[in-house]
C-alpha atoms as a PDB file:
ATOM      1  CA  MET A   1    -135.263 -18.846  89.258  1.00  0.00           C
ATOM      2  CA  GLN A   2    -137.964 -18.266  86.662  1.00  0.00           C
ATOM      3  CA  ILE A   3    -141.492 -18.396  87.276  1.00  0.00           C
ATOM      4  CA  VAL A   4    -143.348 -18.446  83.539  1.00  0.00           C
ATOM      5  CA  LEU A   5    -146.833 -18.035  82.757  1.00  0.00           C
ATOM      6  CA  ILE A   6    -149.213 -19.794  80.274  1.00  0.00           C
ATOM      7  CA  GLY A   7    -151.878 -19.845  78.551  1.00  0.00           C
ATOM      8  CA  MET A   8    -154.154 -18.957  75.529  1.00  0.00           C
ATOM      9  CA  PRO A   9    -154.503 -15.865  74.428  1.00  0.00           C
ATOM     10  CA  TYR A  10    -156.788 -13.764  76.721  1.00  0.00           C
ATOM     11  CA  SER A  11    -156.113 -15.818  79.575  1.00  0.00           C
ATOM     12  CA  GLY A  12    -154.406 -12.711  81.536  1.00  0.00           C
ATOM     13  CA  LYS A  13    -150.542 -13.523  81.036  1.00  0.00           C
ATOM     14  CA  SER A  14    -148.951 -10.434  81.007  1.00  0.00           C
ATOM     15  CA  THR A  15    -151.787  -8.545  83.897  1.00  0.00           C
ATOM     16  CA  LEU A  16    -150.967 -11.453  86.683  1.00  0.00           C
ATOM     17  CA  GLY A  17    -147.135 -11.913  85.704  1.00  0.00           C
ATOM     18  CA  LYS A  18    -146.541  -8.122  86.179  1.00  0.00           C
ATOM     19  CA  ARG A  19    -147.973  -8.121  89.906  1.00  0.00           C
ATOM     20  CA  LEU A  20    -146.670 -11.809  89.976  1.00  0.00           C
ATOM     21  CA  ALA A  21    -143.427  -9.362  89.345  1.00  0.00           C
ATOM     22  CA  LYS A  22    -144.071  -6.454  90.809  1.00  0.00           C
ATOM     23  CA  GLN A  23    -144.901  -8.636  95.049  1.00  0.00           C
ATOM     24  CA  LEU A  24    -142.394 -11.111  94.493  1.00  0.00           C
ATOM     25  CA  GLY A  25    -139.969  -8.648  93.259  1.00  0.00           C
ATOM     26  CA  MET A  26    -138.582 -10.091  90.675  1.00  0.00           C
ATOM     27  CA  THR A  27    -137.838  -8.765  86.475  1.00  0.00           C
ATOM     28  CA  PHE A  28    -140.957  -9.201  84.312  1.00  0.00           C
ATOM     29  CA  TYR A  29    -140.529 -10.284  80.649  1.00  0.00           C
ATOM     30  CA  ASP A  30    -142.979 -10.683  78.590  1.00  0.00           C
ATOM     31  CA  THR A  31    -141.977 -12.536  75.742  1.00  0.00           C
ATOM     32  CA  ASP A  32    -144.290 -10.595  72.949  1.00  0.00           C
ATOM     33  CA  THR A  33    -142.626  -7.548  73.785  1.00  0.00           C
ATOM     34  CA  TRP A  34    -138.689  -9.526  73.798  1.00  0.00           C
ATOM     35  CA  ILE A  35    -139.220  -9.838  70.542  1.00  0.00           C
ATOM     36  CA  GLU A  36    -141.003  -7.124  68.639  1.00  0.00           C
ATOM     37  CA  ARG A  37    -137.902  -5.045  70.445  1.00  0.00           C
ATOM     38  CA  GLU A  38    -135.400  -7.233  69.439  1.00  0.00           C
ATOM     39  CA  PHE A  39    -136.922  -8.180  65.765  1.00  0.00           C
ATOM     40  CA  GLY A  40    -138.068  -4.006  65.285  1.00  0.00           C
ATOM     41  CA  ALA A  41    -141.280  -5.260  64.894  1.00  0.00           C
ATOM     42  CA  LYS A  42    -145.186  -6.144  65.895  1.00  0.00           C
ATOM     43  CA  VAL A  43    -145.997  -9.218  66.038  1.00  0.00           C
ATOM     44  CA  SER A  44    -148.897  -9.422  63.740  1.00  0.00           C
ATOM     45  CA  ASP A  45    -146.182  -8.117  60.662  1.00  0.00           C
ATOM     46  CA  ILE A  46    -143.852 -10.835  61.837  1.00  0.00           C
ATOM     47  CA  PHE A  47    -146.328 -13.911  61.395  1.00  0.00           C
ATOM     48  CA  ALA A  48    -147.397 -11.654  58.055  1.00  0.00           C
ATOM     49  CA  SER A  49    -144.345 -11.374  56.476  1.00  0.00           C
ATOM     50  CA  ALA A  50    -142.047 -14.257  58.189  1.00  0.00           C
ATOM     51  CA  GLY A  51    -145.056 -16.786  59.226  1.00  0.00           C
ATOM     52  CA  GLU A  52    -145.559 -19.456  61.824  1.00  0.00           C
ATOM     53  CA  ALA A  53    -142.600 -20.485  62.191  1.00  0.00           C
ATOM     54  CA  GLN A  54    -140.636 -18.241  61.761  1.00  0.00           C
ATOM     55  CA  PHE A  55    -142.471 -16.505  64.803  1.00  0.00           C
ATOM     56  CA  ARG A  56    -141.609 -20.085  66.495  1.00  0.00           C
ATOM     57  CA  GLU A  57    -138.274 -19.459  66.010  1.00  0.00           C
ATOM     58  CA  TYR A  58    -138.127 -16.058  67.930  1.00  0.00           C
ATOM     59  CA  GLU A  59    -140.115 -17.600  70.612  1.00  0.00           C
ATOM     60  CA  TYR A  60    -137.134 -19.770  70.954  1.00  0.00           C
ATOM     61  CA  GLN A  61    -134.729 -17.293  70.968  1.00  0.00           C
ATOM     62  CA  ALA A  62    -136.641 -15.382  73.691  1.00  0.00           C
ATOM     63  CA  LEU A  63    -136.631 -18.259  76.439  1.00  0.00           C
ATOM     64  CA  GLU A  64    -133.058 -17.944  75.534  1.00  0.00           C
ATOM     65  CA  PHE A  65    -132.127 -15.024  76.717  1.00  0.00           C
ATOM     66  CA  MET A  66    -134.902 -15.408  79.666  1.00  0.00           C
ATOM     67  CA  ALA A  67    -133.528 -18.137  81.125  1.00  0.00           C
ATOM     68  CA  GLY A  68    -130.080 -16.235  81.644  1.00  0.00           C
ATOM     69  CA  GLN A  69    -132.822 -14.359  83.472  1.00  0.00           C
ATOM     70  CA  GLN A  70    -132.854 -15.308  87.358  1.00  0.00           C
ATOM     71  CA  GLN A  71    -135.314 -14.444  89.787  1.00  0.00           C
ATOM     72  CA  SER A  72    -137.904 -12.846  86.797  1.00  0.00           C
ATOM     73  CA  VAL A  73    -141.480 -13.884  85.989  1.00  0.00           C
ATOM     74  CA  ILE A  74    -142.098 -14.209  82.047  1.00  0.00           C
ATOM     75  CA  ALA A  75    -145.177 -14.609  80.286  1.00  0.00           C
ATOM     76  CA  THR A  76    -145.073 -16.018  77.178  1.00  0.00           C
ATOM     77  CA  GLY A  77    -147.216 -15.603  73.863  1.00  0.00           C
ATOM     78  CA  GLY A  78    -150.132 -18.095  74.118  1.00  0.00           C
ATOM     79  CA  GLY A  79    -148.816 -20.087  71.206  1.00  0.00           C
ATOM     80  CA  ILE A  80    -145.051 -21.146  72.619  1.00  0.00           C
ATOM     81  CA  ILE A  81    -146.624 -24.953  73.444  1.00  0.00           C
ATOM     82  CA  THR A  82    -146.841 -25.712  70.126  1.00  0.00           C
ATOM     83  CA  THR A  83    -142.848 -26.588  69.099  1.00  0.00           C
ATOM     84  CA  VAL A  84    -141.494 -29.197  70.343  1.00  0.00           C
ATOM     85  CA  LYS A  85    -138.525 -27.119  70.398  1.00  0.00           C
ATOM     86  CA  ASN A  86    -140.285 -24.189  72.219  1.00  0.00           C
ATOM     87  CA  ARG A  87    -141.060 -27.207  74.944  1.00  0.00           C
ATOM     88  CA  GLU A  88    -138.737 -28.647  75.449  1.00  0.00           C
ATOM     89  CA  LYS A  89    -136.716 -25.363  76.186  1.00  0.00           C
ATOM     90  CA  LEU A  90    -140.282 -24.727  78.998  1.00  0.00           C
ATOM     91  CA  LYS A  91    -139.274 -27.834  80.601  1.00  0.00           C
ATOM     92  CA  LYS A  92    -135.135 -26.897  81.319  1.00  0.00           C
ATOM     93  CA  LEU A  93    -135.742 -23.485  82.690  1.00  0.00           C
ATOM     94  CA  THR A  94    -135.206 -23.098  86.428  1.00  0.00           C
ATOM     95  CA  SER A  95    -138.403 -22.518  87.095  1.00  0.00           C
ATOM     96  CA  ILE A  96    -141.726 -22.750  88.149  1.00  0.00           C
ATOM     97  CA  ILE A  97    -144.523 -23.033  84.888  1.00  0.00           C
ATOM     98  CA  ILE A  98    -147.751 -21.674  85.723  1.00  0.00           C
ATOM     99  CA  TYR A  99    -150.858 -22.908  83.327  1.00  0.00           C
ATOM    100  CA  LEU A 100    -153.575 -20.690  84.102  1.00  0.00           C
ATOM    101  CA  ASP A 101    -156.642 -22.074  82.624  1.00  0.00           C
ATOM    102  CA  VAL A 102    -159.387 -19.763  81.694  1.00  0.00           C
ATOM    103  CA  PRO A 103    -162.691 -21.545  80.263  1.00  0.00           C
ATOM    104  CA  ILE A 104    -163.729 -20.869  76.272  1.00  0.00           C
ATOM    105  CA  PRO A 105    -166.398 -18.844  76.866  1.00  0.00           C
ATOM    106  CA  LEU A 106    -164.669 -16.656  79.179  1.00  0.00           C
ATOM    107  CA  LEU A 107    -161.889 -15.844  76.022  1.00  0.00           C
ATOM    108  CA  GLU A 108    -164.222 -15.412  73.689  1.00  0.00           C
ATOM    109  CA  ALA A 109    -165.917 -12.583  75.942  1.00  0.00           C
ATOM    110  CA  ARG A 110    -161.960 -11.136  76.278  1.00  0.00           C
ATOM    111  CA  ALA A 111    -162.063 -11.789  72.943  1.00  0.00           C
ATOM    112  CA  ALA A 112    -164.701  -9.899  71.636  1.00  0.00           C
ATOM    113  CA  ARG A 113    -164.075  -7.115  73.674  1.00  0.00           C
ATOM    114  CA  LYS A 114    -160.500  -7.185  72.745  1.00  0.00           C
ATOM    115  CA  THR A 115    -159.738  -3.631  71.091  1.00  0.00           C
ATOM    116  CA  GLY A 116    -156.156  -2.763  69.716  1.00  0.00           C
ATOM    117  CA  PRO A 117    -154.167  -5.233  68.036  1.00  0.00           C
ATOM    118  CA  VAL A 118    -155.588  -8.666  67.246  1.00  0.00           C
ATOM    119  CA  ARG A 119    -153.741 -12.383  67.801  1.00  0.00           C
ATOM    120  CA  PRO A 120    -152.151 -13.536  64.530  1.00  0.00           C
ATOM    121  CA  LEU A 121    -153.991 -16.607  64.416  1.00  0.00           C
ATOM    122  CA  LEU A 122    -157.028 -15.584  66.256  1.00  0.00           C
ATOM    123  CA  GLN A 123    -157.667 -13.543  62.927  1.00  0.00           C
ATOM    124  CA  GLN A 124    -157.555 -17.278  61.238  1.00  0.00           C
ATOM    125  CA  ARG A 125    -158.982 -19.232  63.392  1.00  0.00           C
ATOM    126  CA  GLN A 126    -161.411 -19.209  66.743  1.00  0.00           C
ATOM    127  CA  VAL A 127    -160.249 -19.156  69.896  1.00  0.00           C
ATOM    128  CA  ARG A 128    -162.504 -23.232  70.792  1.00  0.00           C
ATOM    129  CA  GLU A 129    -160.173 -24.400  68.315  1.00  0.00           C
ATOM    130  CA  LEU A 130    -157.010 -23.515  69.320  1.00  0.00           C
ATOM    131  CA  PHE A 131    -157.784 -24.246  72.896  1.00  0.00           C
ATOM    132  CA  TYR A 132    -158.657 -27.624  72.041  1.00  0.00           C
ATOM    133  CA  GLU A 133    -155.598 -28.272  69.341  1.00  0.00           C
ATOM    134  CA  ARG A 134    -153.395 -26.421  73.035  1.00  0.00           C
ATOM    135  CA  GLN A 135    -154.651 -27.554  75.866  1.00  0.00           C
ATOM    136  CA  ARG A 136    -152.660 -30.882  75.802  1.00  0.00           C
ATOM    137  CA  TYR A 137    -149.717 -29.201  75.987  1.00  0.00           C
ATOM    138  CA  TYR A 138    -149.968 -26.393  78.195  1.00  0.00           C
ATOM    139  CA  LYS A 139    -151.325 -29.714  80.595  1.00  0.00           C
ATOM    140  CA  GLU A 140    -148.102 -31.269  79.400  1.00  0.00           C
ATOM    141  CA  VAL A 141    -145.017 -28.726  80.227  1.00  0.00           C
ATOM    142  CA  ALA A 142    -147.333 -27.010  83.370  1.00  0.00           C
ATOM    143  CA  THR A 143    -145.424 -27.293  87.176  1.00  0.00           C
ATOM    144  CA  ILE A 144    -149.585 -25.288  88.675  1.00  0.00           C
ATOM    145  CA  ARG A 145    -152.104 -25.637  87.259  1.00  0.00           C
ATOM    146  CA  ILE A 146    -154.229 -22.714  88.165  1.00  0.00           C
ATOM    147  CA  ASN A 147    -158.143 -22.696  87.006  1.00  0.00           C
ATOM    148  CA  CYS A 148    -159.170 -19.096  86.352  1.00  0.00           C
ATOM    149  CA  HIS A 149    -162.609 -19.339  86.309  1.00  0.00           C
ATOM    150  CA  ARG A 150    -165.128 -16.678  87.672  1.00  0.00           C
ATOM    151  CA  LYS A 151    -161.661 -15.735  89.914  1.00  0.00           C
ATOM    152  CA  PRO A 152    -161.168 -11.786  89.665  1.00  0.00           C
ATOM    153  CA  VAL A 153    -157.261 -11.098  89.423  1.00  0.00           C
ATOM    154  CA  PRO A 154    -156.253 -10.432  93.581  1.00  0.00           C
ATOM    155  CA  LYS A 155    -157.591 -13.616  94.184  1.00  0.00           C
ATOM    156  CA  ILE A 156    -155.848 -15.736  91.160  1.00  0.00           C
ATOM    157  CA  LEU A 157    -152.374 -13.603  92.069  1.00  0.00           C
ATOM    158  CA  ALA A 158    -153.071 -14.743  95.710  1.00  0.00           C
ATOM    159  CA  GLU A 159    -153.188 -18.982  94.982  1.00  0.00           C
ATOM    160  CA  ILE A 160    -150.291 -18.270  92.914  1.00  0.00           C
ATOM    161  CA  ILE A 161    -148.550 -16.838  95.277  1.00  0.00           C
ATOM    162  CA  THR A 162    -149.805 -19.799  97.786  1.00  0.00           C
ATOM    163  CA  LYS A 163    -148.813 -22.194  95.548  1.00  0.00           C
ATOM    164  CA  VAL A 164    -144.905 -20.555  94.640  1.00  0.00           C
ATOM    165  CA  GLU A 165    -143.775 -19.354  97.620  1.00  0.00           C
ATOM    166  CA  PRO A 166    -143.293 -22.981  99.620  1.00  0.00           C
ATOM    167  CA  LEU A 167    -141.176 -23.344  96.063  1.00  0.00           C
ATOM    168  CA  LEU A 168    -138.860 -20.034  96.136  1.00  0.00           C
ATOM    169  CA  ALA A 169    -138.320 -20.866  99.836  1.00  0.00           C
ATOM    170  CA  LYS A 170    -136.887 -24.182  98.402  1.00  0.00           C
ATOM    171  CA  GLU A 171    -134.406 -22.682  96.281  1.00  0.00           C
END
């Protein structure tokens, strides 16, 4: 069983994923980290040199690898749901897919204070535009939606655990 975290850039997928995996005694995977290690380039460099379509194919390959990793928590890239192929693969995983629903103003605030590499598509487009474009896909593939508005990380983590423990017990 995998627990897959989906949501916009800056929604906290990696932060929550690491903590969730530790708390549940599972292995943590991050699709962006896997891609960077597997293909020897940063996400931003892959976008710049190979383009978004090639990056989405790399995400599919990451999902293929992670499909075989049982008892894991997977943090995905924010745009993984933009291709039909990736959405279908997510639905086929033996997983619980959690949509971390973060309001636009909070995403914008996090993006504004972010140091380090900027998410490739956020260099070209606004958070709001990407949110409206992607929201329906997040809702389409998610089995659980977590409203992350005005909640600290420990409270969000507790809510996730409360919702997934009964599903994990059925396994």
